[in-house]
Amino acid sequence: MTTISAEVTAPATPAATLDLAGVSRWYGNVVAVNDVTMRLGPGVTGLLGPNGAGKTTLLHMMAGFLAPSRGAVTLDGEPTWRNPAVYRRLGLVSEREAVHTFLTAYEFVLASAKLHRLPDPEAAARRAIDLVEMADAQDRRIGTYSKGMRQRTRVAAALVHDPDVLLLDEPFNGMDPRQRLHMMALLHRLGDAGRTILFSSHILEEVEQVSGTVQVMVAGRLAASGDYRTIRRLMTNRPHVFRVRSTDDRALAVALIAEASVTGVELGRDGLTVRAGDYGAFTRALPKIALARGVRVRSLTPEDESLESVFSYLVGA
């Protein structure tokens, strides 16, 4: 894994805590976030959910950019809304890019350091650029960068004042594999040093590799919360639908009805539609059942593996 040249130090505040208490946000008749309660402490937390789940709205309320329509968002007991003082302790990387392409990375990060009125903005800018491994390209104009390079520049600007809390909205968008590995390593180091980090993603594998704790949002609601293994277990153990084709669909259907993990079987022209309550138990049992009946399975295809179907199940889990 890539070595990070700049040192990650412990935060000024030992344990920054973001609290959301019954937070909702609506726009007219549209409810973007619905009654979310969570507490975020030191370490890395993943905010997982499909596009349109309300992740960005939630992050913007945490950062004090949006007022909750109901409920409260606080950082160590202080409201984030209409409280500019929180920006001394908080950094945000939004999903939407907002960089001046005529500036170099160094100029962009330096401007952020000066806005924070840091005592030595030049040194702070250089350190933040080193953290994201952009030193070699820091004097090039941002307009010449790839999307991944622009993303790393924005992360540097959010880190320049060494915040206790870092909020990132889809931070790995546009990054190549090496850049992703480096950014994941950096987030790990920041979390291990005691910073409170929340990053959003719609990709389960990104969350698995970076965060120990996962918050799952679906349709504006907090659908599930826990460590990664707990969330993965919820997803795996949910009801599943499979399409099965074999040399004797009728005989296989009769045998599968008696299998404990199977909740329903439909025989059609294109094979069997099988509903199973336990993914692992069914996929282990199917070969044994087919072998015992002298049936050869030609194909086994999950029919409901879209991310939206997984998350929708978690709403009622």
C-alpha atoms as a PDB file:
ATOM      1  CA  MET A   1       0.000   0.000   0.000  1.00  0.00           C
ATOM      2  CA  THR A   2       1.189   3.542  -0.675  1.00  0.00           C
ATOM      3  CA  THR A   3       3.177   5.238   2.066  1.00  0.00           C
ATOM      4  CA  ILE A   4       1.748   8.506   3.297  1.00  0.00           C
ATOM      5  CA  SER A   5       4.559  11.032   3.637  1.00  0.00           C
ATOM      6  CA  ALA A   6       2.938  13.591   5.940  1.00  0.00           C
ATOM      7  CA  GLU A   7       2.358  12.639   9.548  1.00  0.00           C
ATOM      8  CA  VAL A   8      -1.216  12.268  10.817  1.00  0.00           C
ATOM      9  CA  THR A   9      -1.464  13.798  14.279  1.00  0.00           C
ATOM     10  CA  ALA A  10      -4.022  13.387  17.039  1.00  0.00           C
ATOM     11  CA  PRO A  11      -6.889  15.917  16.956  1.00  0.00           C
ATOM     12  CA  ALA A  12      -6.956  18.919  19.256  1.00  0.00           C
ATOM     13  CA  THR A  13     -10.231  17.696  20.778  1.00  0.00           C
ATOM     14  CA  PRO A  14      -9.888  14.120  22.115  1.00  0.00           C
ATOM     15  CA  ALA A  15     -13.343  12.847  21.124  1.00  0.00           C
ATOM     16  CA  ALA A  16     -15.506  14.870  18.747  1.00  0.00           C
ATOM     17  CA  THR A  17     -19.077  13.560  18.635  1.00  0.00           C
ATOM     18  CA  LEU A  18     -21.752  14.374  16.059  1.00  0.00           C
ATOM     19  CA  ASP A  19     -25.296  13.754  17.280  1.00  0.00           C
ATOM     20  CA  LEU A  20     -28.457  13.655  15.175  1.00  0.00           C
ATOM     21  CA  ALA A  21     -31.680  13.566  17.165  1.00  0.00           C
ATOM     22  CA  GLY A  22     -34.896  12.865  15.244  1.00  0.00           C
ATOM     23  CA  VAL A  23     -33.630  14.788  12.223  1.00  0.00           C
ATOM     24  CA  SER A  24     -35.921  15.318   9.231  1.00  0.00           C
ATOM     25  CA  ARG A  25     -35.631  17.534   6.190  1.00  0.00           C
ATOM     26  CA  TRP A  26     -38.329  18.146   3.641  1.00  0.00           C
ATOM     27  CA  TYR A  27     -38.751  20.315   0.553  1.00  0.00           C
ATOM     28  CA  GLY A  28     -42.426  21.120   0.144  1.00  0.00           C
ATOM     29  CA  ASN A  29     -44.136  17.719   0.017  1.00  0.00           C
ATOM     30  CA  VAL A  30     -40.899  15.821  -0.613  1.00  0.00           C
ATOM     31  CA  VAL A  31     -39.287  14.232   2.444  1.00  0.00           C
ATOM     32  CA  ALA A  32     -35.543  13.904   1.820  1.00  0.00           C
ATOM     33  CA  VAL A  33     -34.570  12.738   5.329  1.00  0.00           C
ATOM     34  CA  ASN A  34     -37.070  11.174   7.686  1.00  0.00           C
ATOM     35  CA  ASP A  35     -36.558  11.019  11.486  1.00  0.00           C
ATOM     36  CA  VAL A  36     -32.893   9.979  11.577  1.00  0.00           C
ATOM     37  CA  THR A  37     -31.175   9.502  14.928  1.00  0.00           C
ATOM     38  CA  MET A  38     -27.497   8.523  15.117  1.00  0.00           C
ATOM     39  CA  ARG A  39     -24.304   9.264  17.019  1.00  0.00           C
ATOM     40  CA  LEU A  40     -20.909   9.440  15.335  1.00  0.00           C
ATOM     41  CA  GLY A  41     -17.732   9.265  17.371  1.00  0.00           C
ATOM     42  CA  PRO A  42     -14.014   8.873  16.616  1.00  0.00           C
ATOM     43  CA  GLY A  43     -13.173   6.414  13.863  1.00  0.00           C
ATOM     44  CA  VAL A  44     -14.434   5.866  10.332  1.00  0.00           C
ATOM     45  CA  THR A  45     -18.149   5.365   9.654  1.00  0.00           C
ATOM     46  CA  GLY A  46     -19.630   4.524   6.269  1.00  0.00           C
ATOM     47  CA  LEU A  47     -22.967   6.009   5.193  1.00  0.00           C
ATOM     48  CA  LEU A  48     -24.292   3.450   2.733  1.00  0.00           C
ATOM     49  CA  GLY A  49     -27.318   3.748   0.482  1.00  0.00           C
ATOM     50  CA  PRO A  50     -28.517   3.888  -3.128  1.00  0.00           C
ATOM     51  CA  ASN A  51     -28.497   7.163  -5.053  1.00  0.00           C
ATOM     52  CA  GLY A  52     -31.329   9.403  -3.895  1.00  0.00           C
ATOM     53  CA  ALA A  53     -31.462   7.867  -0.411  1.00  0.00           C
ATOM     54  CA  GLY A  54     -30.870  11.216   1.334  1.00  0.00           C
ATOM     55  CA  LYS A  55     -27.166  10.796   2.095  1.00  0.00           C
ATOM     56  CA  THR A  56     -26.112  14.177   0.687  1.00  0.00           C
ATOM     57  CA  THR A  57     -28.914  16.024   2.475  1.00  0.00           C
ATOM     58  CA  LEU A  58     -27.905  14.364   5.744  1.00  0.00           C
ATOM     59  CA  LEU A  59     -24.235  15.328   5.276  1.00  0.00           C
ATOM     60  CA  HIS A  60     -25.170  18.919   4.503  1.00  0.00           C
ATOM     61  CA  MET A  61     -27.206  19.140   7.706  1.00  0.00           C
ATOM     62  CA  MET A  62     -24.271  17.709   9.665  1.00  0.00           C
ATOM     63  CA  ALA A  63     -22.009  20.341   8.117  1.00  0.00           C
ATOM     64  CA  GLY A  64     -24.396  23.170   8.972  1.00  0.00           C
ATOM     65  CA  PHE A  65     -25.232  23.952   5.337  1.00  0.00           C
ATOM     66  CA  LEU A  66     -28.895  23.009   5.769  1.00  0.00           C
ATOM     67  CA  ALA A  67     -31.282  23.530   8.651  1.00  0.00           C
ATOM     68  CA  PRO A  68     -33.219  20.459   9.808  1.00  0.00           C
ATOM     69  CA  SER A  69     -36.942  20.836   9.259  1.00  0.00           C
ATOM     70  CA  ARG A  70     -37.280  18.953  12.528  1.00  0.00           C
ATOM     71  CA  GLY A  71     -34.822  17.618  15.089  1.00  0.00           C
ATOM     72  CA  ALA A  72     -31.308  18.761  15.925  1.00  0.00           C
ATOM     73  CA  VAL A  73     -27.739  18.216  14.706  1.00  0.00           C
ATOM     74  CA  THR A  74     -25.003  18.999  17.221  1.00  0.00           C
ATOM     75  CA  LEU A  75     -21.217  18.741  17.415  1.00  0.00           C
ATOM     76  CA  ASP A  76     -20.224  18.128  21.030  1.00  0.00           C
ATOM     77  CA  GLY A  77     -23.509  19.679  22.112  1.00  0.00           C
ATOM     78  CA  GLU A  78     -23.262  22.759  19.863  1.00  0.00           C
ATOM     79  CA  PRO A  79     -25.692  23.127  16.926  1.00  0.00           C
ATOM     80  CA  THR A  80     -24.088  22.994  13.484  1.00  0.00           C
ATOM     81  CA  TRP A  81     -26.730  25.227  11.873  1.00  0.00           C
ATOM     82  CA  ARG A  82     -25.978  28.961  12.017  1.00  0.00           C
ATOM     83  CA  ASN A  83     -22.850  28.332  14.046  1.00  0.00           C
ATOM     84  CA  PRO A  84     -19.746  29.351  12.047  1.00  0.00           C
ATOM     85  CA  ALA A  85     -17.507  28.315  14.923  1.00  0.00           C
ATOM     86  CA  VAL A  86     -18.028  24.632  14.034  1.00  0.00           C
ATOM     87  CA  TYR A  87     -16.006  25.114  10.834  1.00  0.00           C
ATOM     88  CA  ARG A  88     -12.850  25.407  12.941  1.00  0.00           C
ATOM     89  CA  ARG A  89     -13.388  21.739  13.808  1.00  0.00           C
ATOM     90  CA  LEU A  90     -15.168  20.383  10.745  1.00  0.00           C
ATOM     91  CA  GLY A  91     -14.174  19.700   7.131  1.00  0.00           C
ATOM     92  CA  LEU A  92     -16.503  18.791   4.257  1.00  0.00           C
ATOM     93  CA  VAL A  93     -15.879  17.355   0.798  1.00  0.00           C
ATOM     94  CA  SER A  94     -19.162  17.647  -1.084  1.00  0.00           C
ATOM     95  CA  GLU A  95     -20.129  15.405  -3.994  1.00  0.00           C
ATOM     96  CA  ARG A  96     -20.515  18.361  -6.324  1.00  0.00           C
ATOM     97  CA  GLU A  97     -17.188  19.788  -7.433  1.00  0.00           C
ATOM     98  CA  ALA A  98     -16.535  23.429  -6.591  1.00  0.00           C
ATOM     99  CA  VAL A  99     -12.967  24.200  -7.604  1.00  0.00           C
ATOM    100  CA  HIS A 100     -11.559  27.100  -9.625  1.00  0.00           C
ATOM    101  CA  THR A 101      -9.837  25.372 -12.507  1.00  0.00           C
ATOM    102  CA  PHE A 102      -7.509  28.345 -13.209  1.00  0.00           C
ATOM    103  CA  LEU A 103      -5.839  27.865  -9.801  1.00  0.00           C
ATOM    104  CA  THR A 104      -3.099  25.396  -9.025  1.00  0.00           C
ATOM    105  CA  ALA A 105      -3.710  22.834  -6.289  1.00  0.00           C
ATOM    106  CA  TYR A 106      -1.343  24.723  -4.003  1.00  0.00           C
ATOM    107  CA  GLU A 107      -3.164  28.014  -4.584  1.00  0.00           C
ATOM    108  CA  PHE A 108      -6.547  26.375  -3.983  1.00  0.00           C
ATOM    109  CA  VAL A 109      -5.510  24.706  -0.723  1.00  0.00           C
ATOM    110  CA  LEU A 110      -3.625  27.831   0.409  1.00  0.00           C
ATOM    111  CA  ALA A 111      -6.785  29.894  -0.098  1.00  0.00           C
ATOM    112  CA  SER A 112      -8.637  27.489   2.201  1.00  0.00           C
ATOM    113  CA  ALA A 113      -5.864  27.802   4.794  1.00  0.00           C
ATOM    114  CA  LYS A 114      -6.074  31.603   4.667  1.00  0.00           C
ATOM    115  CA  LEU A 115      -9.871  31.534   4.991  1.00  0.00           C
ATOM    116  CA  HIS A 116      -9.384  29.571   8.199  1.00  0.00           C
ATOM    117  CA  ARG A 117      -6.887  32.251   9.336  1.00  0.00           C
ATOM    118  CA  LEU A 118      -4.240  29.679  10.138  1.00  0.00           C
ATOM    119  CA  PRO A 119      -1.034  31.088  11.681  1.00  0.00           C
ATOM    120  CA  ASP A 120       1.169  29.562   8.948  1.00  0.00           C
ATOM    121  CA  PRO A 121      -1.104  28.950   5.939  1.00  0.00           C
ATOM    122  CA  GLU A 122       1.764  28.075   3.578  1.00  0.00           C
ATOM    123  CA  ALA A 123       3.023  25.263   5.814  1.00  0.00           C
ATOM    124  CA  ALA A 124      -0.529  24.008   6.414  1.00  0.00           C
ATOM    125  CA  ALA A 125      -1.224  23.920   2.660  1.00  0.00           C
ATOM    126  CA  ARG A 126       1.970  22.008   1.935  1.00  0.00           C
ATOM    127  CA  ARG A 127       1.217  19.482   4.684  1.00  0.00           C
ATOM    128  CA  ALA A 128      -2.352  18.880   3.445  1.00  0.00           C
ATOM    129  CA  ILE A 129      -1.124  18.434  -0.135  1.00  0.00           C
ATOM    130  CA  ASP A 130       1.479  15.926   1.081  1.00  0.00           C
ATOM    131  CA  LEU A 131      -1.242  13.988   2.909  1.00  0.00           C
ATOM    132  CA  VAL A 132      -3.131  13.363  -0.328  1.00  0.00           C
ATOM    133  CA  GLU A 133       0.050  12.757  -2.380  1.00  0.00           C
ATOM    134  CA  MET A 134      -0.387  15.735  -4.693  1.00  0.00           C
ATOM    135  CA  ALA A 135       2.996  17.421  -4.114  1.00  0.00           C
ATOM    136  CA  ASP A 136       4.339  16.469  -7.552  1.00  0.00           C
ATOM    137  CA  ALA A 137       1.387  18.130  -9.307  1.00  0.00           C
ATOM    138  CA  GLN A 138       0.653  20.975  -6.879  1.00  0.00           C
ATOM    139  CA  ASP A 139       1.889  23.700  -9.271  1.00  0.00           C
ATOM    140  CA  ARG A 140      -0.254  22.558 -12.201  1.00  0.00           C
ATOM    141  CA  ARG A 141      -3.608  24.205 -12.873  1.00  0.00           C
ATOM    142  CA  ILE A 142      -6.555  22.203 -11.568  1.00  0.00           C
ATOM    143  CA  GLY A 143      -8.142  22.382 -15.029  1.00  0.00           C
ATOM    144  CA  THR A 144      -5.474  19.953 -16.277  1.00  0.00           C
ATOM    145  CA  TYR A 145      -6.213  17.352 -13.590  1.00  0.00           C
ATOM    146  CA  SER A 146      -8.107  14.073 -13.851  1.00  0.00           C
ATOM    147  CA  LYS A 147     -11.258  13.756 -11.758  1.00  0.00           C
ATOM    148  CA  GLY A 148      -9.381  11.692  -9.184  1.00  0.00           C
ATOM    149  CA  MET A 149      -6.693  14.364  -8.844  1.00  0.00           C
ATOM    150  CA  ARG A 150      -9.318  17.086  -8.426  1.00  0.00           C
ATOM    151  CA  GLN A 151     -10.986  14.967  -5.767  1.00  0.00           C
ATOM    152  CA  ARG A 152      -7.729  14.615  -3.826  1.00  0.00           C
ATOM    153  CA  THR A 153      -7.164  18.369  -4.063  1.00  0.00           C
ATOM    154  CA  ARG A 154     -10.578  18.987  -2.523  1.00  0.00           C
ATOM    155  CA  VAL A 155      -9.802  16.541   0.288  1.00  0.00           C
ATOM    156  CA  ALA A 156      -6.566  18.464   0.953  1.00  0.00           C
ATOM    157  CA  ALA A 157      -8.527  21.725   1.211  1.00  0.00           C
ATOM    158  CA  ALA A 158     -10.906  20.095   3.719  1.00  0.00           C
ATOM    159  CA  LEU A 159      -7.972  18.808   5.795  1.00  0.00           C
ATOM    160  CA  VAL A 160      -5.853  21.956   5.725  1.00  0.00           C
ATOM    161  CA  HIS A 161      -7.042  23.190   9.148  1.00  0.00           C
ATOM    162  CA  ASP A 162      -6.618  19.727  10.721  1.00  0.00           C
ATOM    163  CA  PRO A 163     -10.313  19.261  11.597  1.00  0.00           C
ATOM    164  CA  ASP A 164     -11.629  16.944  14.313  1.00  0.00           C
ATOM    165  CA  VAL A 165     -14.514  15.896  12.033  1.00  0.00           C
ATOM    166  CA  LEU A 166     -14.295  15.098   8.323  1.00  0.00           C
ATOM    167  CA  LEU A 167     -17.393  14.558   6.173  1.00  0.00           C
ATOM    168  CA  LEU A 168     -16.946  13.158   2.664  1.00  0.00           C
ATOM    169  CA  ASP A 169     -19.681  12.662   0.065  1.00  0.00           C
ATOM    170  CA  GLU A 170     -18.746   9.854  -2.375  1.00  0.00           C
ATOM    171  CA  PRO A 171     -15.004  10.577  -1.954  1.00  0.00           C
ATOM    172  CA  PHE A 172     -13.758   7.760  -4.215  1.00  0.00           C
ATOM    173  CA  ASN A 173     -15.594   8.930  -7.338  1.00  0.00           C
ATOM    174  CA  GLY A 174     -13.210   9.188 -10.278  1.00  0.00           C
ATOM    175  CA  MET A 175     -10.204   7.750  -8.473  1.00  0.00           C
ATOM    176  CA  ASP A 176      -8.067   5.049 -10.049  1.00  0.00           C
ATOM    177  CA  PRO A 177      -7.204   1.909  -7.997  1.00  0.00           C
ATOM    178  CA  ARG A 178      -3.929   3.343  -6.647  1.00  0.00           C
ATOM    179  CA  GLN A 179      -5.610   6.594  -5.613  1.00  0.00           C
ATOM    180  CA  ARG A 180      -8.400   4.635  -3.913  1.00  0.00           C
ATOM    181  CA  LEU A 181      -5.923   2.559  -1.926  1.00  0.00           C
ATOM    182  CA  HIS A 182      -4.089   5.666  -0.804  1.00  0.00           C
ATOM    183  CA  MET A 183      -7.285   7.485   0.193  1.00  0.00           C
ATOM    184  CA  MET A 184      -8.543   4.446   2.097  1.00  0.00           C
ATOM    185  CA  ALA A 185      -5.220   4.240   3.948  1.00  0.00           C
ATOM    186  CA  LEU A 186      -5.400   7.946   4.785  1.00  0.00           C
ATOM    187  CA  LEU A 187      -8.933   7.669   6.170  1.00  0.00           C
ATOM    188  CA  HIS A 188      -7.859   4.686   8.266  1.00  0.00           C
ATOM    189  CA  ARG A 189      -4.950   6.677   9.706  1.00  0.00           C
ATOM    190  CA  LEU A 190      -7.128   9.699  10.464  1.00  0.00           C
ATOM    191  CA  GLY A 191      -9.711   7.512  12.180  1.00  0.00           C
ATOM    192  CA  ASP A 192      -7.085   5.630  14.157  1.00  0.00           C
ATOM    193  CA  ALA A 193      -5.635   8.969  15.302  1.00  0.00           C
ATOM    194  CA  GLY A 194      -9.003   9.829  16.882  1.00  0.00           C
ATOM    195  CA  ARG A 195     -10.806  11.852  14.261  1.00  0.00           C
ATOM    196  CA  THR A 196     -14.504  11.433  13.544  1.00  0.00           C
ATOM    197  CA  ILE A 197     -14.922  10.574   9.875  1.00  0.00           C
ATOM    198  CA  LEU A 198     -18.097   9.886   7.913  1.00  0.00           C
ATOM    199  CA  PHE A 199     -18.046   9.069   4.210  1.00  0.00           C
ATOM    200  CA  SER A 200     -20.980   8.235   1.989  1.00  0.00           C
ATOM    201  CA  SER A 201     -21.031   5.596  -0.721  1.00  0.00           C
ATOM    202  CA  HIS A 202     -23.446   3.466  -2.728  1.00  0.00           C
ATOM    203  CA  ILE A 203     -20.803   0.735  -3.138  1.00  0.00           C
ATOM    204  CA  LEU A 204     -20.765  -1.900  -0.408  1.00  0.00           C
ATOM    205  CA  GLU A 205     -17.159  -2.959  -1.070  1.00  0.00           C
ATOM    206  CA  GLU A 206     -15.871   0.591  -0.475  1.00  0.00           C
ATOM    207  CA  VAL A 207     -17.541   0.655   2.920  1.00  0.00           C
ATOM    208  CA  GLU A 208     -16.215  -2.815   3.756  1.00  0.00           C
ATOM    209  CA  GLN A 209     -12.609  -1.799   3.103  1.00  0.00           C
ATOM    210  CA  VAL A 210     -12.666   1.501   4.987  1.00  0.00           C
ATOM    211  CA  SER A 211     -15.142   1.587   7.850  1.00  0.00           C
ATOM    212  CA  GLY A 212     -15.852  -0.517  10.876  1.00  0.00           C
ATOM    213  CA  THR A 213     -19.307   0.973  11.442  1.00  0.00           C
ATOM    214  CA  VAL A 214     -22.017   1.283   8.800  1.00  0.00           C
ATOM    215  CA  GLN A 215     -25.172   3.404   8.694  1.00  0.00           C
ATOM    216  CA  VAL A 216     -27.572   2.338   5.927  1.00  0.00           C
ATOM    217  CA  MET A 217     -30.034   4.840   4.465  1.00  0.00           C
ATOM    218  CA  VAL A 218     -32.977   4.019   2.214  1.00  0.00           C
ATOM    219  CA  ALA A 219     -35.578   6.539   1.001  1.00  0.00           C
ATOM    220  CA  GLY A 220     -34.553   9.087   3.629  1.00  0.00           C
ATOM    221  CA  ARG A 221     -34.749   6.645   6.539  1.00  0.00           C
ATOM    222  CA  LEU A 222     -32.048   4.988   8.610  1.00  0.00           C
ATOM    223  CA  ALA A 223     -32.676   1.377   7.637  1.00  0.00           C
ATOM    224  CA  ALA A 224     -29.888  -0.399   9.513  1.00  0.00           C
ATOM    225  CA  SER A 225     -26.939   0.411  11.727  1.00  0.00           C
ATOM    226  CA  GLY A 226     -24.028  -1.634  13.020  1.00  0.00           C
ATOM    227  CA  ASP A 227     -20.620  -3.033  12.176  1.00  0.00           C
ATOM    228  CA  TYR A 228     -19.941  -4.203   8.655  1.00  0.00           C
ATOM    229  CA  ARG A 229     -20.395  -7.899   9.456  1.00  0.00           C
ATOM    230  CA  THR A 230     -23.842  -7.235  10.950  1.00  0.00           C
ATOM    231  CA  ILE A 231     -24.982  -5.337   7.848  1.00  0.00           C
ATOM    232  CA  ARG A 232     -23.540  -7.973   5.509  1.00  0.00           C
ATOM    233  CA  ARG A 233     -25.379 -10.673   7.473  1.00  0.00           C
ATOM    234  CA  LEU A 234     -28.666  -8.772   7.166  1.00  0.00           C
ATOM    235  CA  MET A 235     -28.156  -8.522   3.425  1.00  0.00           C
ATOM    236  CA  THR A 236     -27.162 -12.156   3.008  1.00  0.00           C
ATOM    237  CA  ASN A 237     -29.916 -13.602   5.180  1.00  0.00           C
ATOM    238  CA  ARG A 238     -32.726 -11.665   3.523  1.00  0.00           C
ATOM    239  CA  PRO A 239     -35.203 -13.492   1.232  1.00  0.00           C
ATOM    240  CA  HIS A 240     -33.707 -14.167  -2.206  1.00  0.00           C
ATOM    241  CA  VAL A 241     -35.172 -15.052  -5.595  1.00  0.00           C
ATOM    242  CA  PHE A 242     -33.293 -17.394  -7.955  1.00  0.00           C
ATOM    243  CA  ARG A 243     -33.847 -18.568 -11.514  1.00  0.00           C
ATOM    244  CA  VAL A 244     -32.890 -22.237 -11.862  1.00  0.00           C
ATOM    245  CA  ARG A 245     -32.649 -24.210 -15.099  1.00  0.00           C
ATOM    246  CA  SER A 246     -32.046 -27.954 -15.063  1.00  0.00           C
ATOM    247  CA  THR A 247     -32.436 -31.173 -17.078  1.00  0.00           C
ATOM    248  CA  ASP A 248     -35.692 -31.973 -15.206  1.00  0.00           C
ATOM    249  CA  ASP A 249     -37.294 -28.822 -13.759  1.00  0.00           C
ATOM    250  CA  ARG A 250     -40.444 -30.620 -12.587  1.00  0.00           C
ATOM    251  CA  ALA A 251     -38.582 -33.260 -10.553  1.00  0.00           C
ATOM    252  CA  LEU A 252     -36.294 -30.612  -9.080  1.00  0.00           C
ATOM    253  CA  ALA A 253     -39.274 -28.430  -8.124  1.00  0.00           C
ATOM    254  CA  VAL A 254     -40.884 -31.296  -6.195  1.00  0.00           C
ATOM    255  CA  ALA A 255     -37.645 -31.909  -4.305  1.00  0.00           C
ATOM    256  CA  LEU A 256     -37.014 -28.244  -3.542  1.00  0.00           C
ATOM    257  CA  ILE A 257     -40.454 -27.705  -1.984  1.00  0.00           C
ATOM    258  CA  ALA A 258     -39.378 -29.970   0.882  1.00  0.00           C
ATOM    259  CA  GLU A 259     -36.134 -28.022   1.501  1.00  0.00           C
ATOM    260  CA  ALA A 260     -36.278 -25.951   4.707  1.00  0.00           C
ATOM    261  CA  SER A 261     -34.536 -22.897   3.219  1.00  0.00           C
ATOM    262  CA  VAL A 262     -37.026 -22.691   0.312  1.00  0.00           C
ATOM    263  CA  THR A 263     -40.188 -20.620   0.809  1.00  0.00           C
ATOM    264  CA  GLY A 264     -41.695 -21.004  -2.675  1.00  0.00           C
ATOM    265  CA  VAL A 265     -41.180 -22.605  -6.077  1.00  0.00           C
ATOM    266  CA  GLU A 266     -42.808 -21.697  -9.413  1.00  0.00           C
ATOM    267  CA  LEU A 267     -42.438 -23.826 -12.537  1.00  0.00           C
ATOM    268  CA  GLY A 268     -42.359 -21.897 -15.800  1.00  0.00           C
ATOM    269  CA  ARG A 269     -41.308 -22.296 -19.415  1.00  0.00           C
ATOM    270  CA  ASP A 270     -37.869 -20.837 -18.702  1.00  0.00           C
ATOM    271  CA  GLY A 271     -37.155 -22.922 -15.611  1.00  0.00           C
ATOM    272  CA  LEU A 272     -37.875 -22.550 -11.922  1.00  0.00           C
ATOM    273  CA  THR A 273     -38.333 -19.390  -9.880  1.00  0.00           C
ATOM    274  CA  VAL A 274     -37.220 -20.275  -6.359  1.00  0.00           C
ATOM    275  CA  ARG A 275     -37.701 -18.080  -3.283  1.00  0.00           C
ATOM    276  CA  ALA A 276     -35.260 -18.842  -0.500  1.00  0.00           C
ATOM    277  CA  GLY A 277     -35.138 -17.439   3.022  1.00  0.00           C
ATOM    278  CA  ASP A 278     -31.453 -18.189   3.495  1.00  0.00           C
ATOM    279  CA  TYR A 279     -29.011 -17.554   0.634  1.00  0.00           C
ATOM    280  CA  GLY A 280     -26.220 -19.740   2.010  1.00  0.00           C
ATOM    281  CA  ALA A 281     -28.400 -22.675   3.053  1.00  0.00           C
ATOM    282  CA  PHE A 282     -30.147 -22.813  -0.326  1.00  0.00           C
ATOM    283  CA  THR A 283     -26.993 -22.635  -2.450  1.00  0.00           C
ATOM    284  CA  ARG A 284     -25.419 -25.392  -0.340  1.00  0.00           C
ATOM    285  CA  ALA A 285     -28.514 -27.600  -0.483  1.00  0.00           C
ATOM    286  CA  LEU A 286     -29.269 -27.273  -4.221  1.00  0.00           C
ATOM    287  CA  PRO A 287     -26.336 -29.405  -5.532  1.00  0.00           C
ATOM    288  CA  LYS A 288     -27.061 -32.174  -3.032  1.00  0.00           C
ATOM    289  CA  ILE A 289     -30.763 -32.265  -3.900  1.00  0.00           C
ATOM    290  CA  ALA A 290     -30.059 -32.284  -7.639  1.00  0.00           C
ATOM    291  CA  LEU A 291     -27.497 -35.079  -7.263  1.00  0.00           C
ATOM    292  CA  ALA A 292     -29.885 -37.192  -5.194  1.00  0.00           C
ATOM    293  CA  ARG A 293     -32.612 -36.830  -7.875  1.00  0.00           C
ATOM    294  CA  GLY A 294     -30.260 -37.426 -10.792  1.00  0.00           C
ATOM    295  CA  VAL A 295     -30.892 -33.926 -12.102  1.00  0.00           C
ATOM    296  CA  ARG A 296     -28.178 -31.719 -13.588  1.00  0.00           C
ATOM    297  CA  VAL A 297     -28.398 -27.988 -12.833  1.00  0.00           C
ATOM    298  CA  ARG A 298     -27.673 -25.990 -15.968  1.00  0.00           C
ATOM    299  CA  SER A 299     -27.799 -22.503 -14.451  1.00  0.00           C
ATOM    300  CA  LEU A 300     -28.460 -20.729 -11.155  1.00  0.00           C
ATOM    301  CA  THR A 301     -29.042 -16.963 -11.402  1.00  0.00           C
ATOM    302  CA  PRO A 302     -29.988 -14.528  -8.605  1.00  0.00           C
ATOM    303  CA  GLU A 303     -32.956 -12.481  -9.783  1.00  0.00           C
ATOM    304  CA  ASP A 304     -33.012  -9.713  -7.164  1.00  0.00           C
ATOM    305  CA  GLU A 305     -29.420  -8.653  -6.583  1.00  0.00           C
ATOM    306  CA  SER A 306     -29.778  -4.976  -7.457  1.00  0.00           C
ATOM    307  CA  LEU A 307     -28.544  -2.636  -4.743  1.00  0.00           C
ATOM    308  CA  GLU A 308     -31.960  -1.028  -4.492  1.00  0.00           C
ATOM    309  CA  SER A 309     -33.637  -4.368  -3.728  1.00  0.00           C
ATOM    310  CA  VAL A 310     -31.079  -5.127  -1.027  1.00  0.00           C
ATOM    311  CA  PHE A 311     -31.526  -1.756   0.634  1.00  0.00           C
ATOM    312  CA  SER A 312     -35.305  -1.876   0.327  1.00  0.00           C
ATOM    313  CA  TYR A 313     -35.315  -5.128   2.244  1.00  0.00           C
ATOM    314  CA  LEU A 314     -33.334  -3.509   5.050  1.00  0.00           C
ATOM    315  CA  VAL A 315     -36.081  -0.916   5.595  1.00  0.00           C
ATOM    316  CA  GLY A 316     -38.263  -3.678   7.003  1.00  0.00           C
ATOM    317  CA  ALA A 317     -35.476  -5.776   8.529  1.00  0.00           C
END
